[in-house]
Amino acid sequence: MISGSATGVVKVWDIRDNSLKPVISSDQAPSDQTDSGVTVKPRRVRCLTTTQETVYWGDDGVNIKAMDLNSGIVIINEHDAACMSV
């Protein structure tokens, strides 16, 4: 199960083990484990989606964030052109 919060933290939970501890948490990823060495600022998570290998989320910032489910590495997808959703 994946959760996002108003505090800007995305967590991955394994609900099969009945534990209240997340398996992966975006706030536990060291800044040197981001793809660009940029620290992820905690901002309110507005939306999230997943694939088999990655969690993607949008927050109050300008970039899309992604976390690799195997390694826990957080990727910041910076864009240099305007984008919008319809």
Protein backbone atom coordinates (compact mmCIF):
# COMPACT_ATOMS: atom_id res chain seq x y z
CA MET A 1 0.00 0.00 0.00
CA ILE A 2 1.23 3.53 -0.80
CA SER A 3 0.40 6.65 1.22
CA GLY A 4 1.12 10.34 0.76
CA SER A 5 0.67 13.02 3.39
CA ALA A 6 0.25 16.72 4.06
CA THR A 7 3.74 16.65 5.56
CA GLY A 8 5.20 15.68 2.17
CA VAL A 9 6.19 12.12 3.04
CA VAL A 10 5.42 9.17 0.76
CA LYS A 11 5.48 5.75 2.41
CA VAL A 12 5.27 2.19 1.14
CA TRP A 13 3.66 -0.32 3.49
CA ASP A 14 3.61 -4.13 3.39
CA ILE A 15 0.20 -4.85 4.88
CA ARG A 16 0.75 -8.61 4.80
CA ASP A 17 2.98 -8.57 7.88
CA ASN A 18 0.51 -6.56 10.07
CA SER A 19 3.30 -4.14 10.93
CA LEU A 20 2.76 -0.45 11.58
CA LYS A 21 6.21 0.37 10.19
CA PRO A 22 6.65 1.43 6.54
CA VAL A 23 8.94 -0.61 4.29
CA ILE A 24 10.18 2.50 2.43
CA SER A 25 9.75 6.17 3.27
CA SER A 26 10.72 9.16 1.13
CA ASP A 27 11.96 11.07 4.17
CA GLN A 28 14.51 8.32 4.86
CA ALA A 29 16.24 8.68 1.47
CA PRO A 30 19.60 10.42 2.03
CA SER A 31 20.22 13.47 -0.15
CA ASP A 32 23.10 11.66 -1.87
CA GLN A 33 20.62 9.01 -3.00
CA THR A 34 18.70 11.35 -5.25
CA ASP A 35 19.53 11.24 -8.92
CA SER A 36 20.70 14.85 -8.97
CA GLY A 37 21.98 15.12 -5.39
CA VAL A 38 19.13 17.52 -4.58
CA THR A 39 17.38 17.31 -1.24
CA VAL A 40 13.65 16.69 -1.57
CA LYS A 41 11.80 19.43 0.30
CA PRO A 42 8.75 18.14 2.17
CA ARG A 43 5.66 19.67 0.59
CA ARG A 44 2.02 18.59 0.75
CA VAL A 45 1.50 15.57 -1.54
CA ARG A 46 -1.36 16.34 -3.94
CA CYS A 47 -1.44 13.18 -6.05
CA LEU A 48 0.41 9.89 -6.49
CA THR A 49 0.47 6.90 -8.75
CA THR A 50 2.56 3.74 -9.07
CA THR A 51 3.98 1.27 -11.52
CA GLN A 52 5.49 -2.10 -10.63
CA GLU A 53 8.84 -0.44 -9.85
CA THR A 54 8.23 3.24 -9.07
CA VAL A 55 6.02 5.58 -7.05
CA TYR A 56 5.42 8.99 -8.63
CA TRP A 57 3.97 11.99 -6.82
CA GLY A 58 3.14 15.61 -7.33
CA ASP A 59 3.25 18.15 -4.54
CA ASP A 60 3.12 21.92 -4.09
CA GLY A 61 6.52 22.18 -5.81
CA VAL A 62 7.20 22.45 -9.54
CA ASN A 63 8.78 19.03 -10.16
CA ILE A 64 7.43 15.49 -10.24
CA LYS A 65 9.11 13.20 -7.71
CA ALA A 66 9.65 9.46 -8.12
CA MET A 67 10.91 6.79 -5.73
CA ASP A 68 12.36 3.51 -6.94
CA LEU A 69 10.64 0.72 -5.01
CA ASN A 70 13.67 -1.56 -5.13
CA SER A 71 16.37 0.85 -3.98
CA GLY A 72 14.46 3.64 -2.23
CA ILE A 73 16.28 6.23 -4.35
CA VAL A 74 14.25 9.40 -4.91
CA ILE A 75 14.35 10.92 -8.38
CA ILE A 76 13.39 14.52 -9.09
CA ASN A 77 12.07 14.91 -12.62
CA GLU A 78 12.98 18.49 -13.41
CA HIS A 79 11.39 20.04 -16.45
CA ASP A 80 12.43 23.11 -18.34
CA ALA A 81 9.25 23.81 -20.26
CA ALA A 82 5.74 24.67 -19.18
CA CYS A 83 3.46 21.71 -18.56
CA MET A 84 -0.17 21.33 -17.62
CA SER A 85 -2.81 18.70 -17.24
CA VAL A 86 -6.27 18.76 -18.74
